[in-house]
Protein backbone atom coordinates (compact mmCIF):
# COMPACT_ATOMS: atom_id res chain seq x y z
CA UNK A 1 -52.57 143.99 181.35
CA UNK A 2 -49.43 142.15 182.43
CA UNK A 3 -49.37 138.51 182.71
CA UNK A 4 -48.30 136.32 185.85
CA UNK A 5 -44.39 136.14 185.58
CA UNK A 6 -44.74 132.89 187.38
CA UNK A 7 -47.40 131.14 185.21
CA UNK A 8 -44.70 129.72 182.53
CA UNK A 9 -42.57 128.61 185.59
CA UNK A 10 -45.50 127.16 187.20
CA UNK A 11 -46.59 125.15 183.98
CA UNK A 12 -42.78 124.29 183.32
CA UNK A 13 -43.27 122.80 186.71
CA UNK A 14 -46.05 120.84 186.34
CA UNK A 15 -45.28 119.10 183.36
CA UNK A 16 -41.97 118.08 184.71
CA UNK A 17 -43.73 116.50 187.71
CA UNK A 18 -46.34 115.14 185.21
CA UNK A 19 -43.60 113.48 182.97
CA UNK A 20 -41.37 112.47 186.01
CA UNK A 21 -38.30 111.49 186.24
CA UNK A 22 -36.49 109.56 183.47
CA UNK A 23 -34.76 106.40 184.86
CA UNK A 24 -31.58 104.73 183.71
CA UNK A 25 -31.44 100.66 183.57
CA UNK A 26 -29.78 100.21 186.52
CA UNK A 27 -32.20 102.61 188.53
CA UNK A 28 -34.90 100.91 186.69
CA UNK A 29 -33.73 97.39 187.84
CA UNK A 30 -32.94 98.51 191.31
CA UNK A 31 -36.86 99.30 191.71
CA UNK A 32 -38.19 95.94 189.96
CA UNK A 33 -38.69 94.20 192.85
CA UNK A 34 -42.80 94.12 194.56
CA UNK A 35 -41.39 94.36 197.86
CA UNK A 36 -39.65 97.48 196.72
CA UNK A 37 -42.82 98.75 194.54
CA UNK A 38 -44.90 98.41 197.65
CA UNK A 39 -42.81 100.49 199.57
CA UNK A 40 -42.66 103.36 197.36
CA UNK A 41 -46.32 102.86 196.75
CA UNK A 42 -46.74 102.81 200.69
CA UNK A 43 -45.03 106.07 201.20
CA UNK A 44 -46.77 108.01 198.46
CA UNK A 45 -50.06 107.35 199.67
CA UNK A 46 -49.79 107.60 203.47
CA UNK A 47 -46.47 109.45 204.01
CA UNK A 48 -43.48 109.18 205.95
CA UNK A 49 -42.80 105.95 207.88
CA UNK A 50 -39.89 103.73 209.54
CA UNK A 51 -38.87 100.69 208.84
CA UNK A 52 -40.99 98.69 211.43
CA UNK A 53 -43.98 100.74 210.64
CA UNK A 54 -43.71 99.75 206.76
CA UNK A 55 -42.99 96.34 207.78
CA UNK A 56 -46.16 96.50 210.04
CA UNK A 57 -48.24 97.98 206.93
CA UNK A 58 -46.64 95.52 204.78
CA UNK A 59 -46.81 92.13 206.81
CA UNK A 60 -42.97 91.97 206.49
CA UNK A 61 -40.32 92.16 208.64
CA UNK A 62 -38.18 95.13 209.69
CA UNK A 63 -34.91 93.77 208.39
CA UNK A 64 -36.22 93.07 205.04
CA UNK A 65 -37.85 96.79 204.55
CA UNK A 66 -34.66 98.09 205.98
CA UNK A 67 -32.56 96.34 203.48
CA UNK A 68 -35.06 97.35 200.37
CA UNK A 69 -35.61 101.04 202.07
CA UNK A 70 -31.67 101.42 201.66
CA UNK A 71 -31.34 99.96 198.52
CA UNK A 72 -34.50 102.97 197.39
CA UNK A 73 -32.54 105.49 198.51
CA UNK A 74 -28.94 103.80 196.91
CA UNK A 75 -30.89 105.05 193.83
CA UNK A 76 -33.18 107.94 195.15
CA UNK A 77 -36.53 106.57 195.23
CA UNK A 78 -36.96 107.42 198.82
CA UNK A 79 -35.18 109.97 201.05
CA UNK A 80 -34.38 110.30 205.22
CA UNK A 81 -36.76 112.47 206.65
CA UNK A 82 -34.57 115.12 208.28
CA UNK A 83 -35.16 116.06 211.71
CA UNK A 84 -37.58 113.38 212.67
CA UNK A 85 -36.63 110.54 214.39
CA UNK A 86 -33.76 109.18 215.77
CA UNK A 87 -30.19 107.40 214.70
CA UNK A 88 -32.03 103.63 215.56
CA UNK A 89 -35.63 104.77 213.72
CA UNK A 90 -35.27 106.53 210.83
CA UNK A 91 -37.95 107.88 208.92
CA UNK A 92 -38.52 107.53 205.52
CA UNK A 93 -40.24 109.80 202.60
CA UNK A 94 -41.19 109.19 198.81
CA UNK A 95 -38.85 111.38 196.81
CA UNK A 96 -41.16 113.94 195.45
CA UNK A 97 -40.74 113.33 191.75
CA UNK A 98 -42.84 110.93 189.80
CA UNK A 99 -42.11 108.26 187.56
CA UNK A 100 -43.64 107.40 183.85
CA UNK A 101 -42.37 104.61 182.35
CA UNK A 102 -44.33 105.06 179.04
CA UNK A 103 -42.81 108.52 178.41
CA UNK A 104 -40.94 108.41 174.70
CA UNK A 105 -37.60 109.56 177.03
CA UNK A 106 -37.50 106.06 178.43
CA UNK A 107 -37.91 103.95 175.34
CA UNK A 108 -34.14 103.76 174.88
CA UNK A 109 -33.88 102.29 178.95
CA UNK A 110 -37.50 99.97 178.03
CA UNK A 111 -35.97 98.66 174.61
CA UNK A 112 -33.77 95.88 176.07
CA UNK A 113 -35.12 92.99 177.19
CA UNK A 114 -34.33 93.22 180.47
CA UNK A 115 -35.43 97.13 180.82
CA UNK A 116 -38.98 95.94 179.47
CA UNK A 117 -38.85 92.98 182.06
CA UNK A 118 -38.40 95.14 184.62
CA UNK A 119 -40.63 97.66 183.31
CA UNK A 120 -43.29 95.27 183.12
CA UNK A 121 -42.87 94.41 186.66
CA UNK A 122 -42.91 97.88 187.79
CA UNK A 123 -46.29 98.37 186.24
CA UNK A 124 -47.69 95.26 186.83
CA UNK A 125 -47.27 96.05 190.35
CA UNK A 126 -48.54 99.46 190.35
CA UNK A 127 -51.44 98.38 188.84
CA UNK A 128 -52.43 95.89 191.38
CA UNK A 129 -51.89 98.29 193.83
CA UNK A 130 -54.00 101.30 192.27
CA UNK A 131 -56.86 97.95 191.59
CA UNK A 132 -56.52 96.99 195.85
CA UNK A 133 -56.90 100.87 196.70
CA UNK A 134 -60.27 101.31 194.26
CA UNK A 135 -61.70 97.71 195.18
CA UNK A 136 -60.92 98.69 199.49
CA UNK A 137 -62.72 101.63 198.53
CA UNK A 138 -65.88 100.09 196.84
CA UNK A 139 -65.84 97.08 199.28
CA UNK A 140 -65.79 98.96 202.43
CA UNK A 141 -65.86 102.62 201.99
CA UNK A 142 -69.92 102.85 202.26
CA UNK A 143 -69.47 101.01 205.84
CA UNK A 144 -66.31 102.96 206.99
CA UNK A 145 -66.26 106.21 205.40
CA UNK A 146 -68.49 108.93 206.52
CA UNK A 147 -71.12 110.29 204.27
CA UNK A 148 -68.94 113.70 203.88
CA UNK A 149 -66.36 111.89 202.16
CA UNK A 150 -68.32 109.41 200.06
CA UNK A 151 -70.61 112.50 198.96
CA UNK A 152 -67.26 114.27 197.48
CA UNK A 153 -66.02 111.03 196.05
CA UNK A 154 -66.56 109.77 192.60
CA UNK A 155 -65.60 106.65 190.56
CA UNK A 156 -66.36 107.43 187.05
CA UNK A 157 -64.99 106.22 183.25
CA UNK A 158 -65.76 108.62 180.24
CA UNK A 159 -65.44 107.74 176.48
CA UNK A 160 -65.51 109.66 173.62
CA UNK A 161 -63.39 110.01 170.31
CA UNK A 162 -60.57 111.85 170.15
CA UNK A 163 -58.05 113.21 167.38
CA UNK A 164 -54.45 113.19 168.88
CA UNK A 165 -54.01 116.75 168.66
CA UNK A 166 -57.48 116.66 170.67
CA UNK A 167 -56.36 114.11 173.45
CA UNK A 168 -52.92 116.44 173.74
CA UNK A 169 -55.12 119.15 174.68
CA UNK A 170 -57.19 117.16 177.16
CA UNK A 171 -53.71 116.24 178.57
CA UNK A 172 -52.64 120.09 178.93
CA UNK A 173 -55.67 120.74 180.44
CA UNK A 174 -55.06 118.32 183.04
CA UNK A 175 -51.63 119.13 183.64
CA UNK A 176 -52.24 122.51 184.20
CA UNK A 177 -54.93 121.66 186.93
CA UNK A 178 -52.72 119.20 188.21
CA UNK A 179 -50.22 122.26 188.79
CA UNK A 180 -53.07 124.34 190.39
CA UNK A 181 -54.02 121.99 192.37
CA UNK A 182 -52.43 119.09 193.48
CA UNK A 183 -48.83 120.62 193.81
CA UNK A 184 -50.69 123.39 195.89
CA UNK A 185 -52.04 120.47 198.29
CA UNK A 186 -49.18 118.06 198.22
CA UNK A 187 -47.59 117.22 201.34
CA UNK A 188 -49.82 118.93 203.43
CA UNK A 189 -50.76 118.18 207.18
CA UNK A 190 -54.14 120.09 207.80
CA UNK A 191 -56.77 118.97 209.88
CA UNK A 192 -59.38 116.79 208.32
CA UNK A 193 -56.78 115.69 205.29
CA UNK A 194 -56.43 112.54 204.41
CA UNK A 195 -54.79 110.50 202.11
CA UNK A 196 -56.83 110.53 198.84
CA UNK A 197 -55.91 108.92 195.33
CA UNK A 198 -56.86 110.63 192.08
CA UNK A 199 -56.74 108.56 188.86
CA UNK A 200 -56.34 109.93 185.52
CA UNK A 201 -56.23 107.76 182.63
CA UNK A 202 -55.96 109.27 178.79
CA UNK A 203 -54.97 106.54 175.91
CA UNK A 204 -56.37 105.40 172.34
CA UNK A 205 -58.64 101.70 172.76
CA UNK A 206 -55.85 99.54 171.25
CA UNK A 207 -58.40 97.88 168.91
CA UNK A 208 -60.57 100.76 168.51
CA UNK A 209 -60.64 101.87 164.43
CA UNK A 210 -59.25 105.50 163.68
CA UNK A 211 -61.64 107.70 161.82
CA UNK A 212 -60.48 107.80 157.89
CA UNK A 213 -60.52 111.06 156.19
CA UNK A 214 -63.04 111.78 152.93
CA UNK A 215 -60.49 111.08 150.39
CA UNK A 216 -58.76 107.89 152.18
CA UNK A 217 -62.68 106.72 152.73
CA UNK A 218 -63.12 107.39 149.03
CA UNK A 219 -60.47 104.82 148.32
CA UNK A 220 -61.05 102.42 150.40
CA UNK A 221 -64.80 101.95 151.19
CA UNK A 222 -65.57 99.84 154.35
CA UNK A 223 -67.83 97.02 153.26
CA UNK A 224 -70.32 95.48 156.02
CA UNK A 225 -70.81 92.13 156.65
């Protein structure tokens, strides 16, 4: 049976989308402002906005959002929506490339004190934004959302023990799923669609202990207190 000729290309595209854009130090510093991170998050979550629309959402002045949108555009984080709006009212959207500050390729950029500080600020703002959205769902979702949406929602944590190879296998499976479904529906405007967030974390518990192999265990037996 002949293989699907697009499979390899689709998997490669999914890897690129998941890995995200590799930022240089200047671009990372440009992003490292709380309001700019909020703007990028807002465009990612809800779609395109004007500067005044973002200002209303974020409780800022339109002058402030306009300025920060221009800075974000300069460094490729947002772009103007072509064919929408007027010269006085420009619509903006997120540039469709992810950002992964923990990737191996970003280590050189985040190795300097300036790069590390900028990276930490962006990551902390991402965490706060994620927490806000999740808390809002948990606190207000049951009262505001229809049962049909609540029935297909979930908030779950799964714990297990994995080797590095097994965790990589899990990540590869998620990337394949991402490529098959998330990209398929990304940016769609169909009746009944609404903004949805999907969180997936996979990381070793830092203060957990790695299971030793039999030889290592024999050389260094663990003594229980």
